[in-house]
Amino acid sequence: MQLMSAVPGLTALILAAASFAQTPPQPSPLVQAISPDLYPKLPVNERQSYVAGVLDTDRLLFRQSKAQFAACLNGKTIAQLTDVVDRSLPTLEPVLRTAMPVAVHNALIADCERRGFKGPRSR
């Protein structure tokens, strides 16, 4: 996946989304991807951008999942990863989806583990 050129912009998107996730929703002409309830309402291209941004940020901030993601997500497209998140979101336990970045991370971890790619906490 060639996402490195988009890292700065996507990192800013994730940081902004995370800061808005801490505040009550404000009336806005744009739907914000700030919660698992609002995420499915976004157009597919915006969901894909969101997942890509979370994944890039995750790889920088959560080193414990870096090796697992490197093995598990190798060769997967952002469209495929977004599909994983879209399918997993409704079935995640509430504690695993307290915020959308957390839900993306946990959906991808669960999919990797289901396919046999164990992370450090699963061993």
PDB file of N, CA and C in Angstrom:
ATOM      1  N   MET A   1       0.843  -1.168   0.000  1.00  0.00           N
ATOM      2  CA  MET A   1       0.000   0.000   0.000  1.00  0.00           C
ATOM      3  C   MET A   1       0.892   1.237   0.000  1.00  0.00           C
ATOM      4  N   GLN A   2       0.593   2.161  -0.861  1.00  0.00           N
ATOM      5  CA  GLN A   2       1.404   3.357  -0.973  1.00  0.00           C
ATOM      6  C   GLN A   2       0.671   4.520  -0.335  1.00  0.00           C
ATOM      7  N   LEU A   3       0.686   4.561   0.966  1.00  0.00           N
ATOM      8  CA  LEU A   3      -0.039   5.590   1.690  1.00  0.00           C
ATOM      9  C   LEU A   3       0.873   6.652   2.279  1.00  0.00           C
ATOM     10  N   MET A   4       2.191   6.445   2.190  1.00  0.00           N
ATOM     11  CA  MET A   4       3.120   7.345   2.858  1.00  0.00           C
ATOM     12  C   MET A   4       2.983   8.787   2.381  1.00  0.00           C
ATOM     13  N   SER A   5       2.647   9.017   1.125  1.00  0.00           N
ATOM     14  CA  SER A   5       2.512  10.383   0.637  1.00  0.00           C
ATOM     15  C   SER A   5       1.302  11.075   1.236  1.00  0.00           C
ATOM     16  N   ALA A   6       0.350  10.311   1.722  1.00  0.00           N
ATOM     17  CA  ALA A   6      -0.856  10.889   2.310  1.00  0.00           C
ATOM     18  C   ALA A   6      -0.790  10.960   3.830  1.00  0.00           C
ATOM     19  N   VAL A   7       0.302  10.502   4.429  1.00  0.00           N
ATOM     20  CA  VAL A   7       0.397  10.425   5.889  1.00  0.00           C
ATOM     21  C   VAL A   7       0.165  11.768   6.572  1.00  0.00           C
ATOM     22  N   PRO A   8       0.824  12.859   6.165  1.00  0.00           N
ATOM     23  CA  PRO A   8       0.613  14.113   6.900  1.00  0.00           C
ATOM     24  C   PRO A   8      -0.846  14.577   6.899  1.00  0.00           C
ATOM     25  N   GLY A   9      -1.481  14.539   5.758  1.00  0.00           N
ATOM     26  CA  GLY A   9      -2.871  14.978   5.690  1.00  0.00           C
ATOM     27  C   GLY A   9      -3.810  14.059   6.437  1.00  0.00           C
ATOM     28  N   LEU A  10      -3.588  12.768   6.300  1.00  0.00           N
ATOM     29  CA  LEU A  10      -4.450  11.813   6.989  1.00  0.00           C
ATOM     30  C   LEU A  10      -4.221  11.838   8.489  1.00  0.00           C
ATOM     31  N   THR A  11      -2.986  12.074   8.915  1.00  0.00           N
ATOM     32  CA  THR A  11      -2.708  12.195  10.341  1.00  0.00           C
ATOM     33  C   THR A  11      -3.459  13.387  10.912  1.00  0.00           C
ATOM     34  N   ALA A  12      -3.450  14.493  10.192  1.00  0.00           N
ATOM     35  CA  ALA A  12      -4.194  15.669  10.637  1.00  0.00           C
ATOM     36  C   ALA A  12      -5.684  15.369  10.714  1.00  0.00           C
ATOM     37  N   LEU A  13      -6.201  14.625   9.744  1.00  0.00           N
ATOM     38  CA  LEU A  13      -7.611  14.247   9.749  1.00  0.00           C
ATOM     39  C   LEU A  13      -7.946  13.431  10.985  1.00  0.00           C
ATOM     40  N   ILE A  14      -7.103  12.462  11.316  1.00  0.00           N
ATOM     41  CA  ILE A  14      -7.347  11.607  12.472  1.00  0.00           C
ATOM     42  C   ILE A  14      -7.267  12.401  13.762  1.00  0.00           C
ATOM     43  N   LEU A  15      -6.259  13.264  13.872  1.00  0.00           N
ATOM     44  CA  LEU A  15      -6.136  14.070  15.081  1.00  0.00           C
ATOM     45  C   LEU A  15      -7.335  14.993  15.244  1.00  0.00           C
ATOM     46  N   ALA A  16      -7.795  15.571  14.149  1.00  0.00           N
ATOM     47  CA  ALA A  16      -8.978  16.425  14.219  1.00  0.00           C
ATOM     48  C   ALA A  16     -10.207  15.615  14.602  1.00  0.00           C
ATOM     49  N   ALA A  17     -10.363  14.437  14.011  1.00  0.00           N
ATOM     50  CA  ALA A  17     -11.507  13.587  14.341  1.00  0.00           C
ATOM     51  C   ALA A  17     -11.460  13.166  15.798  1.00  0.00           C
ATOM     52  N   ALA A  18     -10.269  12.849  16.292  1.00  0.00           N
ATOM     53  CA  ALA A  18     -10.135  12.440  17.693  1.00  0.00           C
ATOM     54  C   ALA A  18     -10.484  13.586  18.631  1.00  0.00           C
ATOM     55  N   SER A  19     -10.093  14.806  18.280  1.00  0.00           N
ATOM     56  CA  SER A  19     -10.419  15.933  19.149  1.00  0.00           C
ATOM     57  C   SER A  19     -11.911  16.222  19.130  1.00  0.00           C
ATOM     58  N   PHE A  20     -12.559  16.077  17.981  1.00  0.00           N
ATOM     59  CA  PHE A  20     -13.995  16.284  17.916  1.00  0.00           C
ATOM     60  C   PHE A  20     -14.760  15.169  18.608  1.00  0.00           C
ATOM     61  N   ALA A  21     -14.168  13.985  18.694  1.00  0.00           N
ATOM     62  CA  ALA A  21     -14.836  12.859  19.341  1.00  0.00           C
ATOM     63  C   ALA A  21     -15.034  13.127  20.823  1.00  0.00           C
ATOM     64  N   GLN A  22     -14.258  14.050  21.386  1.00  0.00           N
ATOM     65  CA  GLN A  22     -14.364  14.360  22.803  1.00  0.00           C
ATOM     66  C   GLN A  22     -15.415  15.430  23.085  1.00  0.00           C
ATOM     67  N   THR A  23     -15.964  16.031  22.056  1.00  0.00           N
ATOM     68  CA  THR A  23     -16.948  17.086  22.250  1.00  0.00           C
ATOM     69  C   THR A  23     -18.307  16.626  21.761  1.00  0.00           C
ATOM     70  N   PRO A  24     -19.367  17.210  22.304  1.00  0.00           N
ATOM     71  CA  PRO A  24     -20.694  16.837  21.806  1.00  0.00           C
ATOM     72  C   PRO A  24     -20.838  17.224  20.339  1.00  0.00           C
ATOM     73  N   PRO A  25     -21.603  16.465  19.572  1.00  0.00           N
ATOM     74  CA  PRO A  25     -21.789  16.802  18.160  1.00  0.00           C
ATOM     75  C   PRO A  25     -22.409  18.187  18.008  1.00  0.00           C
ATOM     76  N   GLN A  26     -21.883  18.933  17.064  1.00  0.00           N
ATOM     77  CA  GLN A  26     -22.385  20.263  16.772  1.00  0.00           C
ATOM     78  C   GLN A  26     -23.138  20.229  15.450  1.00  0.00           C
ATOM     79  N   PRO A  27     -24.189  21.030  15.323  1.00  0.00           N
ATOM     80  CA  PRO A  27     -24.866  21.090  14.026  1.00  0.00           C
ATOM     81  C   PRO A  27     -23.872  21.539  12.959  1.00  0.00           C
ATOM     82  N   SER A  28     -23.832  20.826  11.865  1.00  0.00           N
ATOM     83  CA  SER A  28     -22.870  21.121  10.814  1.00  0.00           C
ATOM     84  C   SER A  28     -23.441  20.676   9.484  1.00  0.00           C
ATOM     85  N   PRO A  29     -23.114  21.392   8.407  1.00  0.00           N
ATOM     86  CA  PRO A  29     -23.593  20.954   7.098  1.00  0.00           C
ATOM     87  C   PRO A  29     -22.889  19.678   6.624  1.00  0.00           C
ATOM     88  N   LEU A  30     -21.747  19.331   7.244  1.00  0.00           N
ATOM     89  CA  LEU A  30     -21.002  18.139   6.858  1.00  0.00           C
ATOM     90  C   LEU A  30     -21.132  17.074   7.934  1.00  0.00           C
ATOM     91  N   VAL A  31     -21.334  15.842   7.524  1.00  0.00           N
ATOM     92  CA  VAL A  31     -21.360  14.743   8.470  1.00  0.00           C
ATOM     93  C   VAL A  31     -19.926  14.453   8.891  1.00  0.00           C
ATOM     94  N   GLN A  32     -19.693  14.372  10.183  1.00  0.00           N
ATOM     95  CA  GLN A  32     -18.357  14.110  10.701  1.00  0.00           C
ATOM     96  C   GLN A  32     -18.238  12.647  11.099  1.00  0.00           C
ATOM     97  N   ALA A  33     -17.139  12.015  10.773  1.00  0.00           N
ATOM     98  CA  ALA A  33     -16.887  10.622  11.160  1.00  0.00           C
ATOM     99  C   ALA A  33     -16.288  10.612  12.552  1.00  0.00           C
ATOM    100  N   ILE A  34     -17.116  10.891  13.535  1.00  0.00           N
ATOM    101  CA  ILE A  34     -16.615  11.005  14.900  1.00  0.00           C
ATOM    102  C   ILE A  34     -17.113   9.889  15.798  1.00  0.00           C
ATOM    103  N   SER A  35     -17.962   9.058  15.292  1.00  0.00           N
ATOM    104  CA  SER A  35     -18.478   7.973  16.119  1.00  0.00           C
ATOM    105  C   SER A  35     -18.836   6.793  15.229  1.00  0.00           C
ATOM    106  N   PRO A  36     -18.911   5.620  15.829  1.00  0.00           N
ATOM    107  CA  PRO A  36     -19.341   4.453  15.061  1.00  0.00           C
ATOM    108  C   PRO A  36     -20.763   4.595  14.505  1.00  0.00           C
ATOM    109  N   ASP A  37     -21.567   5.447  15.108  1.00  0.00           N
ATOM    110  CA  ASP A  37     -22.925   5.651  14.591  1.00  0.00           C
ATOM    111  C   ASP A  37     -22.942   6.510  13.327  1.00  0.00           C
ATOM    112  N   LEU A  38     -22.027   7.454  13.231  1.00  0.00           N
ATOM    113  CA  LEU A  38     -21.994   8.345  12.068  1.00  0.00           C
ATOM    114  C   LEU A  38     -21.178   7.779  10.908  1.00  0.00           C
ATOM    115  N   TYR A  39     -20.184   6.970  11.204  1.00  0.00           N
ATOM    116  CA  TYR A  39     -19.291   6.431  10.174  1.00  0.00           C
ATOM    117  C   TYR A  39     -20.032   5.768   9.009  1.00  0.00           C
ATOM    118  N   PRO A  40     -21.004   4.877   9.241  1.00  0.00           N
ATOM    119  CA  PRO A  40     -21.664   4.208   8.105  1.00  0.00           C
ATOM    120  C   PRO A  40     -22.411   5.155   7.168  1.00  0.00           C
ATOM    121  N   LYS A  41     -22.707   6.356   7.625  1.00  0.00           N
ATOM    122  CA  LYS A  41     -23.447   7.313   6.803  1.00  0.00           C
ATOM    123  C   LYS A  41     -22.550   8.043   5.801  1.00  0.00           C
ATOM    124  N   LEU A  42     -21.235   7.902   5.961  1.00  0.00           N
ATOM    125  CA  LEU A  42     -20.306   8.562   5.038  1.00  0.00           C
ATOM    126  C   LEU A  42     -20.288   7.851   3.694  1.00  0.00           C
ATOM    127  N   PRO A  43     -20.033   8.584   2.607  1.00  0.00           N
ATOM    128  CA  PRO A  43     -19.839   7.938   1.308  1.00  0.00           C
ATOM    129  C   PRO A  43     -18.617   7.016   1.372  1.00  0.00           C
ATOM    130  N   VAL A  44     -18.582   6.022   0.520  1.00  0.00           N
ATOM    131  CA  VAL A  44     -17.521   5.014   0.562  1.00  0.00           C
ATOM    132  C   VAL A  44     -16.131   5.631   0.435  1.00  0.00           C
ATOM    133  N   ASN A  45     -15.954   6.631  -0.414  1.00  0.00           N
ATOM    134  CA  ASN A  45     -14.623   7.233  -0.568  1.00  0.00           C
ATOM    135  C   ASN A  45     -14.168   7.923   0.716  1.00  0.00           C
ATOM    136  N   GLU A  46     -15.085   8.508   1.465  1.00  0.00           N
ATOM    137  CA  GLU A  46     -14.726   9.139   2.732  1.00  0.00           C
ATOM    138  C   GLU A  46     -14.427   8.089   3.799  1.00  0.00           C
ATOM    139  N   ARG A  47     -15.160   6.984   3.796  1.00  0.00           N
ATOM    140  CA  ARG A  47     -14.862   5.895   4.733  1.00  0.00           C
ATOM    141  C   ARG A  47     -13.484   5.314   4.431  1.00  0.00           C
ATOM    142  N   GLN A  48     -13.158   5.163   3.147  1.00  0.00           N
ATOM    143  CA  GLN A  48     -11.842   4.641   2.770  1.00  0.00           C
ATOM    144  C   GLN A  48     -10.731   5.587   3.227  1.00  0.00           C
ATOM    145  N   SER A  49     -10.915   6.874   3.039  1.00  0.00           N
ATOM    146  CA  SER A  49      -9.915   7.846   3.498  1.00  0.00           C
ATOM    147  C   SER A  49      -9.768   7.799   5.011  1.00  0.00           C
ATOM    148  N   TYR A  50     -10.881   7.654   5.699  1.00  0.00           N
ATOM    149  CA  TYR A  50     -10.850   7.585   7.160  1.00  0.00           C
ATOM    150  C   TYR A  50     -10.082   6.350   7.626  1.00  0.00           C
ATOM    151  N   VAL A  51     -10.396   5.193   7.055  1.00  0.00           N
ATOM    152  CA  VAL A  51      -9.710   3.953   7.428  1.00  0.00           C
ATOM    153  C   VAL A  51      -8.218   4.065   7.121  1.00  0.00           C
ATOM    154  N   ALA A  52      -7.861   4.622   5.973  1.00  0.00           N
ATOM    155  CA  ALA A  52      -6.442   4.789   5.623  1.00  0.00           C
ATOM    156  C   ALA A  52      -5.735   5.675   6.640  1.00  0.00           C
ATOM    157  N   GLY A  53      -6.375   6.748   7.037  1.00  0.00           N
ATOM    158  CA  GLY A  53      -5.781   7.649   8.028  1.00  0.00           C
ATOM    159  C   GLY A  53      -5.610   7.001   9.383  1.00  0.00           C
ATOM    160  N   VAL A  54      -6.623   6.266   9.811  1.00  0.00           N
ATOM    161  CA  VAL A  54      -6.519   5.559  11.090  1.00  0.00           C
ATOM    162  C   VAL A  54      -5.400   4.527  11.025  1.00  0.00           C
ATOM    163  N   LEU A  55      -5.317   3.809   9.920  1.00  0.00           N
ATOM    164  CA  LEU A  55      -4.286   2.781   9.778  1.00  0.00           C
ATOM    165  C   LEU A  55      -2.885   3.391   9.802  1.00  0.00           C
ATOM    166  N   ASP A  56      -2.681   4.487   9.090  1.00  0.00           N
ATOM    167  CA  ASP A  56      -1.372   5.148   9.104  1.00  0.00           C
ATOM    168  C   ASP A  56      -1.027   5.645  10.504  1.00  0.00           C
ATOM    169  N   THR A  57      -1.987   6.244  11.174  1.00  0.00           N
ATOM    170  CA  THR A  57      -1.758   6.725  12.531  1.00  0.00           C
ATOM    171  C   THR A  57      -1.498   5.565  13.475  1.00  0.00           C
ATOM    172  N   ASP A  58      -2.256   4.499  13.321  1.00  0.00           N
ATOM    173  CA  ASP A  58      -2.093   3.312  14.153  1.00  0.00           C
ATOM    174  C   ASP A  58      -0.676   2.761  14.035  1.00  0.00           C
ATOM    175  N   ARG A  59      -0.174   2.710  12.819  1.00  0.00           N
ATOM    176  CA  ARG A  59       1.177   2.172  12.599  1.00  0.00           C
ATOM    177  C   ARG A  59       2.243   3.039  13.256  1.00  0.00           C
ATOM    178  N   LEU A  60       1.989   4.334  13.370  1.00  0.00           N
ATOM    179  CA  LEU A  60       2.948   5.230  14.010  1.00  0.00           C
ATOM    180  C   LEU A  60       2.846   5.206  15.530  1.00  0.00           C
ATOM    181  N   LEU A  61       1.637   5.124  16.051  1.00  0.00           N
ATOM    182  CA  LEU A  61       1.424   5.268  17.487  1.00  0.00           C
ATOM    183  C   LEU A  61       1.337   3.957  18.252  1.00  0.00           C
ATOM    184  N   PHE A  62       0.905   2.889  17.617  1.00  0.00           N
ATOM    185  CA  PHE A  62       0.705   1.621  18.314  1.00  0.00           C
ATOM    186  C   PHE A  62       1.665   0.580  17.745  1.00  0.00           C
ATOM    187  N   ARG A  63       2.882   0.644  18.191  1.00  0.00           N
ATOM    188  CA  ARG A  63       3.936  -0.227  17.657  1.00  0.00           C
ATOM    189  C   ARG A  63       3.654  -1.704  17.907  1.00  0.00           C
ATOM    190  N   GLN A  64       2.864  -2.018  18.939  1.00  0.00           N
ATOM    191  CA  GLN A  64       2.609  -3.427  19.249  1.00  0.00           C
ATOM    192  C   GLN A  64       1.835  -4.134  18.140  1.00  0.00           C
ATOM    193  N   SER A  65       1.073  -3.416  17.348  1.00  0.00           N
ATOM    194  CA  SER A  65       0.326  -4.053  16.258  1.00  0.00           C
ATOM    195  C   SER A  65       1.029  -3.909  14.907  1.00  0.00           C
ATOM    196  N   LYS A  66       2.163  -3.223  14.870  1.00  0.00           N
ATOM    197  CA  LYS A  66       2.846  -2.947  13.601  1.00  0.00           C
ATOM    198  C   LYS A  66       3.245  -4.231  12.871  1.00  0.00           C
ATOM    199  N   ALA A  67       3.876  -5.176  13.569  1.00  0.00           N
ATOM    200  CA  ALA A  67       4.312  -6.419  12.918  1.00  0.00           C
ATOM    201  C   ALA A  67       3.119  -7.250  12.460  1.00  0.00           C
ATOM    202  N   GLN A  68       2.087  -7.303  13.290  1.00  0.00           N
ATOM    203  CA  GLN A  68       0.888  -8.061  12.924  1.00  0.00           C
ATOM    204  C   GLN A  68       0.241  -7.457  11.681  1.00  0.00           C
ATOM    205  N   PHE A  69       0.098  -6.143  11.652  1.00  0.00           N
ATOM    206  CA  PHE A  69      -0.501  -5.493  10.492  1.00  0.00           C
ATOM    207  C   PHE A  69       0.384  -5.648   9.257  1.00  0.00           C
ATOM    208  N   ALA A  70       1.701  -5.568   9.425  1.00  0.00           N
ATOM    209  CA  ALA A  70       2.606  -5.719   8.279  1.00  0.00           C
ATOM    210  C   ALA A  70       2.408  -7.073   7.610  1.00  0.00           C
ATOM    211  N   ALA A  71       2.239  -8.109   8.398  1.00  0.00           N
ATOM    212  CA  ALA A  71       2.031  -9.453   7.844  1.00  0.00           C
ATOM    213  C   ALA A  71       0.602  -9.633   7.344  1.00  0.00           C
ATOM    214  N   CYS A  72      -0.349  -9.244   8.150  1.00  0.00           N
ATOM    215  CA  CYS A  72      -1.764  -9.516   7.865  1.00  0.00           C
ATOM    216  C   CYS A  72      -2.325  -8.662   6.727  1.00  0.00           C
ATOM    217  N   LEU A  73      -1.936  -7.404   6.681  1.00  0.00           N
ATOM    218  CA  LEU A  73      -2.542  -6.479   5.723  1.00  0.00           C
ATOM    219  C   LEU A  73      -1.745  -6.351   4.431  1.00  0.00           C
ATOM    220  N   ASN A  74      -0.632  -7.053   4.339  1.00  0.00           N
ATOM    221  CA  ASN A  74       0.197  -7.002   3.143  1.00  0.00           C
ATOM    222  C   ASN A  74      -0.613  -7.423   1.917  1.00  0.00           C
ATOM    223  N   GLY A  75      -0.620  -6.571   0.909  1.00  0.00           N
ATOM    224  CA  GLY A  75      -1.331  -6.875  -0.331  1.00  0.00           C
ATOM    225  C   GLY A  75      -2.803  -6.511  -0.322  1.00  0.00           C
ATOM    226  N   LYS A  76      -3.312  -6.061   0.810  1.00  0.00           N
ATOM    227  CA  LYS A  76      -4.721  -5.661   0.893  1.00  0.00           C
ATOM    228  C   LYS A  76      -4.866  -4.213   0.433  1.00  0.00           C
ATOM    229  N   THR A  77      -5.958  -3.931  -0.237  1.00  0.00           N
ATOM    230  CA  THR A  77      -6.238  -2.559  -0.658  1.00  0.00           C
ATOM    231  C   THR A  77      -7.019  -1.843   0.437  1.00  0.00           C
ATOM    232  N   ILE A  78      -7.029  -0.534   0.364  1.00  0.00           N
ATOM    233  CA  ILE A  78      -7.824   0.246   1.315  1.00  0.00           C
ATOM    234  C   ILE A  78      -9.304  -0.099   1.165  1.00  0.00           C
ATOM    235  N   ALA A  79      -9.746  -0.365  -0.052  1.00  0.00           N
ATOM    236  CA  ALA A  79     -11.147  -0.768  -0.258  1.00  0.00           C
ATOM    237  C   ALA A  79     -11.447  -2.064   0.490  1.00  0.00           C
ATOM    238  N   GLN A  80     -10.527  -3.029   0.445  1.00  0.00           N
ATOM    239  CA  GLN A  80     -10.738  -4.292   1.155  1.00  0.00           C
ATOM    240  C   GLN A  80     -10.744  -4.078   2.667  1.00  0.00           C
ATOM    241  N   LEU A  81      -9.837  -3.244   3.158  1.00  0.00           N
ATOM    242  CA  LEU A  81      -9.779  -2.982   4.595  1.00  0.00           C
ATOM    243  C   LEU A  81     -11.014  -2.226   5.068  1.00  0.00           C
ATOM    244  N   THR A  82     -11.495  -1.306   4.247  1.00  0.00           N
ATOM    245  CA  THR A  82     -12.717  -0.584   4.589  1.00  0.00           C
ATOM    246  C   THR A  82     -13.895  -1.539   4.646  1.00  0.00           C
ATOM    247  N   ASP A  83     -13.937  -2.494   3.738  1.00  0.00           N
ATOM    248  CA  ASP A  83     -14.995  -3.505   3.757  1.00  0.00           C
ATOM    249  C   ASP A  83     -14.945  -4.315   5.055  1.00  0.00           C
ATOM    250  N   VAL A  84     -13.741  -4.655   5.509  1.00  0.00           N
ATOM    251  CA  VAL A  84     -13.591  -5.375   6.783  1.00  0.00           C
ATOM    252  C   VAL A  84     -14.180  -4.540   7.921  1.00  0.00           C
ATOM    253  N   VAL A  85     -13.825  -3.264   7.960  1.00  0.00           N
ATOM    254  CA  VAL A  85     -14.335  -2.380   9.012  1.00  0.00           C
ATOM    255  C   VAL A  85     -15.850  -2.249   8.904  1.00  0.00           C
ATOM    256  N   ASP A  86     -16.355  -2.042   7.690  1.00  0.00           N
ATOM    257  CA  ASP A  86     -17.800  -1.893   7.488  1.00  0.00           C
ATOM    258  C   ASP A  86     -18.570  -3.116   7.981  1.00  0.00           C
ATOM    259  N   ARG A  87     -18.045  -4.311   7.693  1.00  0.00           N
ATOM    260  CA  ARG A  87     -18.726  -5.544   8.108  1.00  0.00           C
ATOM    261  C   ARG A  87     -18.582  -5.804   9.606  1.00  0.00           C
ATOM    262  N   SER A  88     -17.443  -5.418  10.173  1.00  0.00           N
ATOM    263  CA  SER A  88     -17.164  -5.716  11.577  1.00  0.00           C
ATOM    264  C   SER A  88     -17.813  -4.747  12.548  1.00  0.00           C
ATOM    265  N   LEU A  89     -17.987  -3.521  12.145  1.00  0.00           N
ATOM    266  CA  LEU A  89     -18.470  -2.482  13.055  1.00  0.00           C
ATOM    267  C   LEU A  89     -19.743  -2.865  13.807  1.00  0.00           C
ATOM    268  N   PRO A  90     -20.772  -3.372  13.133  1.00  0.00           N
ATOM    269  CA  PRO A  90     -22.004  -3.698  13.866  1.00  0.00           C
ATOM    270  C   PRO A  90     -21.846  -4.844  14.870  1.00  0.00           C
ATOM    271  N   THR A  91     -20.834  -5.677  14.696  1.00  0.00           N
ATOM    272  CA  THR A  91     -20.687  -6.847  15.562  1.00  0.00           C
ATOM    273  C   THR A  91     -19.671  -6.649  16.684  1.00  0.00           C
ATOM    274  N   LEU A  92     -18.939  -5.541  16.673  1.00  0.00           N
ATOM    275  CA  LEU A  92     -17.967  -5.292  17.740  1.00  0.00           C
ATOM    276  C   LEU A  92     -18.689  -5.032  19.056  1.00  0.00           C
ATOM    277  N   GLU A  93     -18.134  -5.567  20.133  1.00  0.00           N
ATOM    278  CA  GLU A  93     -18.680  -5.281  21.456  1.00  0.00           C
ATOM    279  C   GLU A  93     -18.556  -3.782  21.713  1.00  0.00           C
ATOM    280  N   PRO A  94     -19.486  -3.201  22.464  1.00  0.00           N
ATOM    281  CA  PRO A  94     -19.440  -1.750  22.707  1.00  0.00           C
ATOM    282  C   PRO A  94     -18.094  -1.249  23.234  1.00  0.00           C
ATOM    283  N   VAL A  95     -17.452  -2.011  24.096  1.00  0.00           N
ATOM    284  CA  VAL A  95     -16.167  -1.576  24.643  1.00  0.00           C
ATOM    285  C   VAL A  95     -15.081  -1.530  23.562  1.00  0.00           C
ATOM    286  N   LEU A  96     -15.238  -2.287  22.488  1.00  0.00           N
ATOM    287  CA  LEU A  96     -14.254  -2.309  21.403  1.00  0.00           C
ATOM    288  C   LEU A  96     -14.499  -1.228  20.360  1.00  0.00           C
ATOM    289  N   ARG A  97     -15.568  -0.464  20.533  1.00  0.00           N
ATOM    290  CA  ARG A  97     -15.870   0.594  19.561  1.00  0.00           C
ATOM    291  C   ARG A  97     -16.291   1.887  20.258  1.00  0.00           C
ATOM    292  N   THR A  98     -15.546   2.248  21.285  1.00  0.00           N
ATOM    293  CA  THR A  98     -15.865   3.455  22.036  1.00  0.00           C
ATOM    294  C   THR A  98     -15.664   4.723  21.210  1.00  0.00           C
ATOM    295  N   ALA A  99     -14.778   4.687  20.248  1.00  0.00           N
ATOM    296  CA  ALA A  99     -14.536   5.785  19.312  1.00  0.00           C
ATOM    297  C   ALA A  99     -14.186   5.148  17.974  1.00  0.00           C
ATOM    298  N   MET A 100     -14.396   5.870  16.912  1.00  0.00           N
ATOM    299  CA  MET A 100     -14.197   5.279  15.594  1.00  0.00           C
ATOM    300  C   MET A 100     -12.756   4.840  15.339  1.00  0.00           C
ATOM    301  N   PRO A 101     -11.723   5.599  15.725  1.00  0.00           N
ATOM    302  CA  PRO A 101     -10.366   5.076  15.516  1.00  0.00           C
ATOM    303  C   PRO A 101     -10.132   3.764  16.267  1.00  0.00           C
ATOM    304  N   VAL A 102     -10.687   3.652  17.465  1.00  0.00           N
ATOM    305  CA  VAL A 102     -10.579   2.414  18.249  1.00  0.00           C
ATOM    306  C   VAL A 102     -11.299   1.279  17.529  1.00  0.00           C
ATOM    307  N   ALA A 103     -12.464   1.574  16.979  1.00  0.00           N
ATOM    308  CA  ALA A 103     -13.241   0.554  16.266  1.00  0.00           C
ATOM    309  C   ALA A 103     -12.505   0.067  15.018  1.00  0.00           C
ATOM    310  N   VAL A 104     -11.890   0.977  14.267  1.00  0.00           N
ATOM    311  CA  VAL A 104     -11.126   0.580  13.074  1.00  0.00           C
ATOM    312  C   VAL A 104      -9.984  -0.341  13.488  1.00  0.00           C
ATOM    313  N   HIS A 105      -9.227   0.073  14.494  1.00  0.00           N
ATOM    314  CA  HIS A 105      -8.107  -0.739  14.982  1.00  0.00           C
ATOM    315  C   HIS A 105      -8.594  -2.125  15.401  1.00  0.00           C
ATOM    316  N   ASN A 106      -9.634  -2.180  16.213  1.00  0.00           N
ATOM    317  CA  ASN A 106     -10.120  -3.464  16.721  1.00  0.00           C
ATOM    318  C   ASN A 106     -10.735  -4.335  15.631  1.00  0.00           C
ATOM    319  N   ALA A 107     -11.394  -3.732  14.654  1.00  0.00           N
ATOM    320  CA  ALA A 107     -11.953  -4.511  13.543  1.00  0.00           C
ATOM    321  C   ALA A 107     -10.836  -5.163  12.730  1.00  0.00           C
ATOM    322  N   LEU A 108      -9.766  -4.418  12.483  1.00  0.00           N
ATOM    323  CA  LEU A 108      -8.649  -4.972  11.712  1.00  0.00           C
ATOM    324  C   LEU A 108      -7.894  -6.029  12.514  1.00  0.00           C
ATOM    325  N   ILE A 109      -7.695  -5.791  13.808  1.00  0.00           N
ATOM    326  CA  ILE A 109      -7.040  -6.789  14.671  1.00  0.00           C
ATOM    327  C   ILE A 109      -7.862  -8.076  14.685  1.00  0.00           C
ATOM    328  N   ALA A 110      -9.175  -7.948  14.868  1.00  0.00           N
ATOM    329  CA  ALA A 110     -10.041  -9.138  14.921  1.00  0.00           C
ATOM    330  C   ALA A 110      -9.982  -9.913  13.609  1.00  0.00           C
ATOM    331  N   ASP A 111      -9.983  -9.193  12.480  1.00  0.00           N
ATOM    332  CA  ASP A 111      -9.906  -9.869  11.184  1.00  0.00           C
ATOM    333  C   ASP A 111      -8.562 -10.569  11.019  1.00  0.00           C
ATOM    334  N   CYS A 112      -7.484  -9.907  11.412  1.00  0.00           N
ATOM    335  CA  CYS A 112      -6.153 -10.533  11.321  1.00  0.00           C
ATOM    336  C   CYS A 112      -6.104 -11.800  12.169  1.00  0.00           C
ATOM    337  N   GLU A 113      -6.594 -11.723  13.388  1.00  0.00           N
ATOM    338  CA  GLU A 113      -6.560 -12.887  14.274  1.00  0.00           C
ATOM    339  C   GLU A 113      -7.454 -14.010  13.756  1.00  0.00           C
ATOM    340  N   ARG A 114      -8.588 -13.655  13.189  1.00  0.00           N
ATOM    341  CA  ARG A 114      -9.485 -14.663  12.617  1.00  0.00           C
ATOM    342  C   ARG A 114      -8.792 -15.421  11.488  1.00  0.00           C
ATOM    343  N   ARG A 115      -7.933 -14.716  10.744  1.00  0.00           N
ATOM    344  CA  ARG A 115      -7.215 -15.333   9.627  1.00  0.00           C
ATOM    345  C   ARG A 115      -5.881 -15.952  10.047  1.00  0.00           C
ATOM    346  N   GLY A 116      -5.602 -15.989  11.354  1.00  0.00           N
ATOM    347  CA  GLY A 116      -4.417 -16.679  11.853  1.00  0.00           C
ATOM    348  C   GLY A 116      -3.197 -15.814  12.098  1.00  0.00           C
ATOM    349  N   PHE A 117      -3.301 -14.521  11.935  1.00  0.00           N
ATOM    350  CA  PHE A 117      -2.185 -13.609  12.201  1.00  0.00           C
ATOM    351  C   PHE A 117      -2.313 -13.122  13.638  1.00  0.00           C
ATOM    352  N   LYS A 118      -1.585 -13.743  14.525  1.00  0.00           N
ATOM    353  CA  LYS A 118      -1.698 -13.433  15.944  1.00  0.00           C
ATOM    354  C   LYS A 118      -0.800 -12.264  16.315  1.00  0.00           C
ATOM    355  N   GLY A 119      -1.349 -11.383  17.143  1.00  0.00           N
ATOM    356  CA  GLY A 119      -0.584 -10.260  17.665  1.00  0.00           C
ATOM    357  C   GLY A 119       0.091 -10.635  18.963  1.00  0.00           C
ATOM    358  N   PRO A 120       0.883  -9.714  19.521  1.00  0.00           N
ATOM    359  CA  PRO A 120       1.622 -10.013  20.741  1.00  0.00           C
ATOM    360  C   PRO A 120       0.723 -10.357  21.924  1.00  0.00           C
ATOM    361  N   ARG A 121      -0.476  -9.775  22.000  1.00  0.00           N
ATOM    362  CA  ARG A 121      -1.360 -10.057  23.136  1.00  0.00           C
ATOM    363  C   ARG A 121      -2.079 -11.391  22.987  1.00  0.00           C
ATOM    364  N   SER A 122      -2.048 -11.996  21.799  1.00  0.00           N
ATOM    365  CA  SER A 122      -2.778 -13.241  21.530  1.00  0.00           C
ATOM    366  C   SER A 122      -1.923 -14.476  21.730  1.00  0.00           C
ATOM    367  N   ARG A 123      -0.663 -14.296  21.918  1.00  0.00           N
ATOM    368  CA  ARG A 123       0.248 -15.448  21.966  1.00  0.00           C
ATOM    369  C   ARG A 123       0.259 -16.103  23.303  1.00  0.00           C
TER     370      ARG A 123
END
